[in-house]
Amino acid sequence: MIVYLVLLAIAIIIAYASRTIRRFPEKAFVVICVVLPMLVLSMFRSYSVGSDTKMYALKWALPEIEKSSMGEIYQKGRWELGFALLGKLCALTPDPPRALVILSSLIIVGLSSFAIIRISSRPALAFVLLILSSLFYQDMQLMRQAIAYSIAQVALIPLLKRKYLPYFGLVLLAFFFHKSAFILAFVPLLIEIFRYWKSKILMSSAIIILLIVLFTPTGVFNFILSHAGYSNYLGTTYGGSNHAAPLLLLACFVSWLVSALMTRRTKHLTVSDTKQEEKVFISILLLGIVVCCLAWRMAILYRFTPYPLAMLIPLFTNQEKVHGDIRIRGSQFFLDYAPFIGLFVMYTFLVPSWTSVFPYSFM
């Protein structure tokens, strides 16, 4: 556990020091002192670090991909084609399991770091939030899906410029690593609704969608999942967490949404005045609330939750905060950062079995 705490401490020190140093040196310090250690920890971890690492590299995924043709893989539909191609590439190396861990780590940490450094106004602080959010733990746990949501973070770059065609191209690429990435296709829809509808109508629509989700019979979800190739996961719970995990994340998304709406209310902004980045930020928050409610209804749908969480990280430090009343600023500070601390405490100290990255050990 000490290795994760040291990494977090380094990121916090750079984030604090970034107030007095220029942007380029901050990026350089972040890459050298945070990104590279994250890469090393991820690439050279033992196969026991991460609940799915051994399954992917040694026991099931890679061995099955190695002995199957791409036609058989496509016909069975068990492994997405992007991940299958990555497995085939690793099979050409002298040590395929280690190659899979190294290449997947390069993709995940590399793409995520690129998105943060490119988008975030305070990249060091964004990396602090990335670690606190437990996404770094999940990067070493999920592999396929971690690749997908790291691609989703890069997809923010065209999304912020309203370039929807390249965005959907990156969503499709993410889909080729994990089917759950299709949920990202709804983000532009939410943004455009936000653009043309008044806020009250948007919130009313969100409430209606949530009510539909909450009262839809479980059999409907079972039918959809079974036809999507996930029938073996029906009724699954994650690490004994039952419904605690989606409810925890739901509280986080609601807290961040309240903080964002406080800023808009104080600034007296109308929807037409709102910047594209704020529309993207609030739309992702609304998506996060919906997917947490879905996950609360059915545990397998918890797989949707890393996407909005991962996409928020590069944007989080860019949100304008209220100036003036110290009580309002204090409330916003609490609403913004208390959820991250709660997530870190939960995943690190209270229920570390959810990610199985403890104890850490090298190869």
Protein backbone atom coordinates (compact mmCIF):
# COMPACT_ATOMS: atom_id res chain seq x y z
CA MET A 1 0.00 0.00 0.00
CA ILE A 2 2.90 2.35 0.70
CA VAL A 3 3.78 2.55 -2.99
CA TYR A 4 0.35 4.02 -3.83
CA LEU A 5 0.53 6.48 -0.94
CA VAL A 6 3.98 7.68 -2.05
CA LEU A 7 2.70 8.18 -5.62
CA LEU A 8 -0.25 10.19 -4.30
CA ALA A 9 2.03 12.29 -2.09
CA ILE A 10 4.29 13.14 -5.04
CA ALA A 11 1.30 14.20 -7.14
CA ILE A 12 -0.03 16.38 -4.30
CA ILE A 13 3.36 18.10 -3.84
CA ILE A 14 3.60 18.90 -7.57
CA ALA A 15 -0.03 20.10 -7.61
CA TYR A 16 0.68 22.45 -4.70
CA ALA A 17 3.93 23.68 -6.25
CA SER A 18 2.23 24.21 -9.64
CA ARG A 19 0.71 27.44 -8.32
CA THR A 20 4.14 29.04 -8.49
CA ILE A 21 5.66 27.40 -11.58
CA ARG A 22 4.87 27.78 -15.27
CA ARG A 23 2.68 25.39 -17.19
CA PHE A 24 5.42 23.67 -19.22
CA PRO A 25 7.65 22.81 -16.23
CA GLU A 26 4.55 21.52 -14.44
CA LYS A 27 3.84 19.16 -17.33
CA ALA A 28 7.46 17.99 -17.34
CA PHE A 29 7.43 17.35 -13.59
CA VAL A 30 4.12 15.49 -13.91
CA VAL A 31 5.41 13.23 -16.69
CA ILE A 32 8.68 12.44 -14.92
CA CYS A 33 7.45 12.16 -11.33
CA VAL A 34 3.90 10.83 -11.76
CA VAL A 35 3.25 9.35 -15.20
CA LEU A 36 6.47 7.34 -15.45
CA PRO A 37 6.08 5.81 -11.95
CA MET A 38 2.48 4.91 -12.80
CA LEU A 39 3.71 3.19 -15.97
CA VAL A 40 6.37 1.24 -14.11
CA LEU A 41 3.95 0.16 -11.37
CA SER A 42 1.42 -0.99 -13.93
CA MET A 43 3.72 -2.61 -16.51
CA PHE A 44 5.84 -4.62 -14.07
CA ARG A 45 3.24 -5.60 -11.51
CA SER A 46 2.88 -9.18 -10.45
CA TYR A 47 0.07 -11.19 -12.04
CA SER A 48 -1.55 -11.23 -8.60
CA VAL A 49 -2.01 -7.42 -8.64
CA GLY A 50 -5.46 -6.66 -10.04
CA SER A 51 -8.39 -9.05 -9.76
CA ASP A 52 -8.45 -9.85 -13.50
CA THR A 53 -4.75 -9.68 -14.38
CA LYS A 54 -4.07 -13.37 -13.96
CA MET A 55 -7.27 -14.27 -15.80
CA TYR A 56 -6.37 -12.10 -18.78
CA ALA A 57 -2.68 -12.98 -19.02
CA LEU A 58 -2.39 -16.58 -17.79
CA LYS A 59 -5.61 -18.48 -17.19
CA TRP A 60 -8.22 -17.66 -19.79
CA ALA A 61 -8.21 -14.68 -22.16
CA LEU A 62 -4.76 -14.75 -23.73
CA PRO A 63 -4.52 -18.58 -23.94
CA GLU A 64 -7.94 -18.73 -25.63
CA ILE A 65 -7.07 -15.93 -28.07
CA GLU A 66 -3.72 -17.55 -28.93
CA LYS A 67 -5.29 -20.88 -29.92
CA SER A 68 -8.31 -19.39 -31.76
CA SER A 69 -8.51 -17.79 -35.19
CA MET A 70 -9.96 -14.30 -35.56
CA GLY A 71 -12.95 -15.87 -37.31
CA GLU A 72 -13.63 -18.13 -34.33
CA ILE A 73 -13.19 -15.22 -31.92
CA TYR A 74 -15.67 -13.13 -33.91
CA GLN A 75 -18.16 -15.98 -34.13
CA LYS A 76 -18.07 -16.72 -30.41
CA GLY A 77 -18.27 -13.02 -29.54
CA ARG A 78 -16.57 -13.51 -26.18
CA TRP A 79 -13.60 -11.23 -26.85
CA GLU A 80 -13.84 -7.91 -28.63
CA LEU A 81 -11.82 -7.69 -31.84
CA GLY A 82 -9.54 -4.89 -30.62
CA PHE A 83 -8.51 -6.85 -27.56
CA ALA A 84 -8.18 -10.03 -29.65
CA LEU A 85 -5.79 -8.24 -32.04
CA LEU A 86 -3.79 -7.01 -29.05
CA GLY A 87 -3.62 -10.60 -27.78
CA LYS A 88 -2.48 -11.86 -31.18
CA LEU A 89 0.26 -9.22 -31.23
CA CYS A 90 1.43 -10.26 -27.76
CA ALA A 91 1.46 -13.91 -28.89
CA LEU A 92 4.29 -13.03 -31.29
CA THR A 93 6.59 -12.06 -28.41
CA PRO A 94 8.83 -14.41 -26.34
CA ASP A 95 6.70 -13.80 -23.22
CA PRO A 96 3.06 -13.17 -24.29
CA PRO A 97 1.58 -12.77 -20.76
CA ARG A 98 4.11 -10.13 -19.75
CA ALA A 99 3.78 -8.45 -23.16
CA LEU A 100 0.01 -8.17 -22.61
CA VAL A 101 0.48 -6.50 -19.22
CA ILE A 102 3.14 -4.12 -20.59
CA LEU A 103 1.28 -3.14 -23.77
CA SER A 104 -2.08 -2.71 -22.07
CA SER A 105 -0.44 -0.54 -19.39
CA LEU A 106 1.24 1.61 -22.03
CA ILE A 107 -2.09 2.14 -23.78
CA ILE A 108 -4.09 2.84 -20.62
CA VAL A 109 -1.67 5.11 -18.77
CA GLY A 110 -0.39 6.68 -21.99
CA LEU A 111 -3.80 7.66 -23.38
CA SER A 112 -5.15 8.79 -20.02
CA SER A 113 -2.06 10.92 -19.34
CA PHE A 114 -2.17 12.41 -22.84
CA ALA A 115 -5.81 13.45 -22.34
CA ILE A 116 -5.16 14.97 -18.92
CA ILE A 117 -2.07 16.92 -20.02
CA ARG A 118 -3.79 18.10 -23.19
CA ILE A 119 -7.10 19.17 -21.59
CA SER A 120 -6.54 19.98 -17.93
CA SER A 121 -5.55 23.48 -16.82
CA ARG A 122 -3.86 21.96 -13.75
CA PRO A 123 -2.61 18.52 -14.82
CA ALA A 124 -0.88 17.75 -11.50
CA LEU A 125 -4.13 18.26 -9.61
CA ALA A 126 -5.95 16.14 -12.19
CA PHE A 127 -3.53 13.27 -11.52
CA VAL A 128 -4.19 13.67 -7.79
CA LEU A 129 -7.90 13.24 -8.52
CA LEU A 130 -7.19 10.30 -10.83
CA ILE A 131 -5.41 8.46 -8.03
CA LEU A 132 -7.96 9.45 -5.39
CA SER A 133 -10.84 8.30 -7.59
CA SER A 134 -9.41 4.73 -7.60
CA LEU A 135 -9.20 4.74 -11.41
CA PHE A 136 -5.49 3.89 -11.20
CA TYR A 137 -6.46 0.81 -9.18
CA GLN A 138 -9.07 -0.08 -11.77
CA ASP A 139 -6.55 0.41 -14.59
CA MET A 140 -4.64 -2.56 -13.16
CA GLN A 141 -7.80 -4.54 -12.58
CA LEU A 142 -10.04 -4.26 -15.66
CA MET A 143 -7.57 -4.16 -18.59
CA ARG A 144 -10.06 -4.39 -21.53
CA GLN A 145 -12.43 -1.81 -20.11
CA ALA A 146 -9.59 0.34 -18.82
CA ILE A 147 -8.32 0.58 -22.41
CA ALA A 148 -11.84 1.56 -23.50
CA TYR A 149 -12.27 4.36 -20.98
CA SER A 150 -8.75 5.68 -21.58
CA ILE A 151 -9.78 6.02 -25.25
CA ALA A 152 -12.93 7.78 -24.02
CA GLN A 153 -10.74 10.32 -22.21
CA VAL A 154 -8.93 11.09 -25.48
CA ALA A 155 -12.34 11.36 -27.19
CA LEU A 156 -12.97 14.42 -25.03
CA ILE A 157 -10.56 16.41 -27.23
CA PRO A 158 -12.81 16.43 -30.35
CA LEU A 159 -15.95 16.49 -28.19
CA LEU A 160 -14.91 19.79 -26.62
CA LYS A 161 -14.63 21.23 -30.14
CA ARG A 162 -18.05 19.80 -31.17
CA LYS A 163 -16.33 17.52 -33.69
CA TYR A 164 -18.72 14.63 -33.30
CA LEU A 165 -17.48 12.48 -36.20
CA PRO A 166 -13.98 11.92 -34.73
CA TYR A 167 -15.61 11.51 -31.32
CA PHE A 168 -17.82 8.68 -32.56
CA GLY A 169 -14.80 7.18 -34.32
CA LEU A 170 -12.97 6.98 -30.99
CA VAL A 171 -16.10 5.62 -29.28
CA LEU A 172 -16.20 2.87 -31.93
CA LEU A 173 -12.53 2.12 -31.24
CA ALA A 174 -13.30 1.89 -27.51
CA PHE A 175 -16.22 -0.43 -28.34
CA PHE A 176 -13.75 -2.79 -30.02
CA PHE A 177 -12.06 -3.20 -26.63
CA HIS A 178 -15.18 -3.38 -24.46
CA LYS A 179 -18.83 -3.49 -25.53
CA SER A 180 -19.91 -1.31 -22.62
CA ALA A 181 -18.33 1.70 -24.39
CA PHE A 182 -21.54 2.11 -26.43
CA ILE A 183 -22.86 4.14 -23.48
CA LEU A 184 -20.55 6.98 -24.63
CA ALA A 185 -22.70 7.49 -27.73
CA PHE A 186 -25.32 9.19 -25.55
CA VAL A 187 -23.02 12.03 -24.41
CA PRO A 188 -23.40 14.17 -27.60
CA LEU A 189 -27.17 13.69 -27.40
CA LEU A 190 -27.19 15.07 -23.85
CA ILE A 191 -24.98 17.98 -24.94
CA GLU A 192 -27.29 18.94 -27.80
CA ILE A 193 -30.35 18.67 -25.55
CA PHE A 194 -28.54 20.91 -23.10
CA ARG A 195 -27.75 23.36 -25.91
CA TYR A 196 -31.28 23.89 -27.16
CA TRP A 197 -33.49 23.18 -24.16
CA LYS A 198 -33.91 25.26 -21.05
CA SER A 199 -32.27 23.88 -17.95
CA LYS A 200 -35.60 23.12 -16.25
CA ILE A 201 -36.70 20.99 -19.20
CA LEU A 202 -33.34 19.21 -19.19
CA MET A 203 -33.57 18.41 -15.49
CA SER A 204 -37.19 17.30 -15.84
CA SER A 205 -36.19 14.97 -18.67
CA ALA A 206 -33.34 13.58 -16.58
CA ILE A 207 -35.75 12.88 -13.71
CA ILE A 208 -38.15 11.11 -16.10
CA ILE A 209 -35.31 8.95 -17.46
CA LEU A 210 -34.24 8.05 -13.93
CA LEU A 211 -37.80 7.07 -13.02
CA ILE A 212 -37.99 4.86 -16.11
CA VAL A 213 -34.69 3.22 -15.16
CA LEU A 214 -35.75 2.68 -11.55
CA PHE A 215 -39.12 1.17 -12.38
CA THR A 216 -38.21 -0.91 -15.44
CA PRO A 217 -38.70 -4.63 -14.62
CA THR A 218 -35.46 -6.54 -14.06
CA GLY A 219 -36.53 -9.02 -16.73
CA VAL A 220 -36.09 -6.32 -19.39
CA PHE A 221 -32.47 -5.79 -18.33
CA ASN A 222 -31.92 -9.56 -18.29
CA PHE A 223 -33.28 -9.86 -21.85
CA ILE A 224 -31.03 -7.09 -23.17
CA LEU A 225 -27.93 -8.42 -21.42
CA SER A 226 -28.47 -12.00 -22.54
CA HIS A 227 -28.72 -10.87 -26.19
CA ALA A 228 -25.59 -8.74 -25.77
CA GLY A 229 -23.54 -11.80 -24.77
CA TYR A 230 -23.46 -11.20 -21.00
CA SER A 231 -25.96 -13.82 -19.84
CA ASN A 232 -23.24 -15.47 -17.71
CA TYR A 233 -23.06 -12.32 -15.59
CA LEU A 234 -26.74 -12.10 -14.71
CA GLY A 235 -27.19 -11.96 -10.96
CA THR A 236 -23.48 -11.27 -10.39
CA THR A 237 -22.35 -9.02 -7.56
CA TYR A 238 -18.90 -7.46 -7.42
CA GLY A 239 -16.51 -8.34 -4.63
CA GLY A 240 -19.37 -8.76 -2.20
CA SER A 241 -20.13 -5.06 -2.59
CA ASN A 242 -23.80 -5.72 -3.44
CA HIS A 243 -25.31 -2.28 -4.14
CA ALA A 244 -22.95 -0.17 -2.02
CA ALA A 245 -20.59 0.75 -4.87
CA PRO A 246 -23.14 2.30 -7.29
CA LEU A 247 -24.81 4.16 -4.43
CA LEU A 248 -21.44 5.57 -3.35
CA LEU A 249 -20.69 6.77 -6.87
CA LEU A 250 -24.23 8.11 -7.25
CA ALA A 251 -23.62 10.31 -4.20
CA CYS A 252 -20.37 11.53 -5.83
CA PHE A 253 -22.01 12.46 -9.15
CA VAL A 254 -24.88 14.23 -7.40
CA SER A 255 -22.41 16.19 -5.25
CA TRP A 256 -20.43 17.31 -8.32
CA LEU A 257 -23.62 18.23 -10.18
CA VAL A 258 -24.83 20.38 -7.28
CA SER A 259 -21.46 22.17 -7.24
CA ALA A 260 -21.59 22.76 -11.00
CA LEU A 261 -25.14 24.12 -10.82
CA MET A 262 -24.14 26.42 -7.94
CA THR A 263 -21.53 27.98 -10.22
CA ARG A 264 -24.02 28.47 -13.06
CA ARG A 265 -26.63 29.98 -10.73
CA THR A 266 -24.18 32.43 -9.19
CA LYS A 267 -22.81 33.49 -12.56
CA HIS A 268 -26.39 34.02 -13.84
CA LEU A 269 -25.64 32.10 -17.01
CA THR A 270 -28.29 31.03 -19.47
CA VAL A 271 -27.94 27.86 -21.52
CA SER A 272 -26.93 29.86 -24.59
CA ASP A 273 -24.19 31.61 -22.58
CA THR A 274 -22.70 28.38 -21.28
CA LYS A 275 -19.40 27.27 -22.75
CA GLN A 276 -19.09 23.96 -24.57
CA GLU A 277 -16.84 22.57 -21.84
CA GLU A 278 -19.45 23.24 -19.17
CA LYS A 279 -22.12 21.56 -21.32
CA VAL A 280 -19.86 18.52 -21.71
CA PHE A 281 -19.11 18.46 -17.98
CA ILE A 282 -22.75 18.60 -16.87
CA SER A 283 -23.84 16.11 -19.56
CA ILE A 284 -21.26 13.60 -18.33
CA LEU A 285 -22.46 14.13 -14.75
CA LEU A 286 -26.05 13.40 -15.82
CA LEU A 287 -24.86 10.27 -17.64
CA GLY A 288 -23.02 9.21 -14.46
CA ILE A 289 -26.19 9.57 -12.40
CA VAL A 290 -28.17 7.47 -14.88
CA VAL A 291 -25.59 4.67 -15.07
CA CYS A 292 -25.30 4.54 -11.25
CA CYS A 293 -29.06 4.06 -11.05
CA LEU A 294 -28.79 1.33 -13.69
CA ALA A 295 -26.01 -0.34 -11.70
CA TRP A 296 -28.10 -0.12 -8.56
CA ARG A 297 -30.80 -2.10 -10.38
CA MET A 298 -28.39 -4.72 -11.78
CA ALA A 299 -24.80 -5.32 -10.63
CA ILE A 300 -23.31 -6.12 -14.06
CA LEU A 301 -24.23 -2.61 -15.22
CA TYR A 302 -21.67 -1.27 -12.73
CA ARG A 303 -19.30 -1.69 -15.68
CA PHE A 304 -20.75 1.53 -17.11
CA THR A 305 -19.65 3.68 -14.17
CA PRO A 306 -15.91 4.10 -14.95
CA TYR A 307 -16.67 5.95 -18.20
CA PRO A 308 -18.24 9.14 -16.79
CA LEU A 309 -15.82 9.09 -13.85
CA ALA A 310 -12.79 8.81 -16.16
CA MET A 311 -14.08 11.51 -18.53
CA LEU A 312 -14.65 13.97 -15.67
CA ILE A 313 -11.04 13.87 -14.45
CA PRO A 314 -9.40 15.90 -17.28
CA LEU A 315 -12.23 18.47 -17.12
CA PHE A 316 -12.59 18.78 -13.37
CA THR A 317 -9.81 21.30 -12.72
CA ASN A 318 -11.06 23.57 -15.54
CA GLN A 319 -14.43 24.35 -13.97
CA GLU A 320 -14.78 27.98 -12.93
CA LYS A 321 -15.56 28.39 -9.25
CA VAL A 322 -17.58 31.01 -7.45
CA HIS A 323 -15.68 34.03 -6.14
CA GLY A 324 -16.91 36.05 -3.21
CA ASP A 325 -18.85 34.57 -0.31
CA ILE A 326 -16.49 32.33 1.66
CA ARG A 327 -19.39 30.08 2.71
CA ILE A 328 -20.33 29.37 -0.90
CA ARG A 329 -16.71 28.73 -1.84
CA GLY A 330 -16.31 26.43 1.17
CA SER A 331 -19.45 24.52 0.21
CA GLN A 332 -18.21 24.09 -3.34
CA PHE A 333 -14.80 22.96 -2.16
CA PHE A 334 -16.44 20.31 0.02
CA LEU A 335 -18.84 19.18 -2.74
CA ASP A 336 -15.96 18.94 -5.23
CA TYR A 337 -13.26 17.17 -3.24
CA ALA A 338 -14.92 15.27 -0.40
CA PRO A 339 -16.26 12.62 -2.85
CA PHE A 340 -12.73 11.94 -4.14
CA ILE A 341 -11.42 11.50 -0.62
CA GLY A 342 -14.36 9.22 0.15
CA LEU A 343 -13.62 7.08 -2.91
CA PHE A 344 -9.94 6.80 -1.98
CA VAL A 345 -10.70 5.79 1.61
CA MET A 346 -13.31 3.28 0.44
CA TYR A 347 -11.18 1.55 -2.20
CA THR A 348 -7.89 1.76 -0.28
CA PHE A 349 -8.81 1.06 3.33
CA LEU A 350 -12.41 -0.12 3.72
CA VAL A 351 -13.04 -2.51 0.82
CA PRO A 352 -9.70 -3.08 -0.95
CA SER A 353 -10.91 -6.49 -2.17
CA TRP A 354 -12.99 -4.71 -4.83
CA THR A 355 -9.86 -4.11 -6.93
CA SER A 356 -7.41 -6.64 -5.43
CA VAL A 357 -4.37 -4.44 -6.01
CA PHE A 358 -3.16 -4.94 -2.44
CA PRO A 359 -0.57 -5.95 -1.51
CA TYR A 360 1.45 -4.60 -4.40
CA SER A 361 4.35 -6.72 -5.70
CA PHE A 362 6.63 -6.56 -8.73
CA MET A 363 6.92 -9.35 -11.28
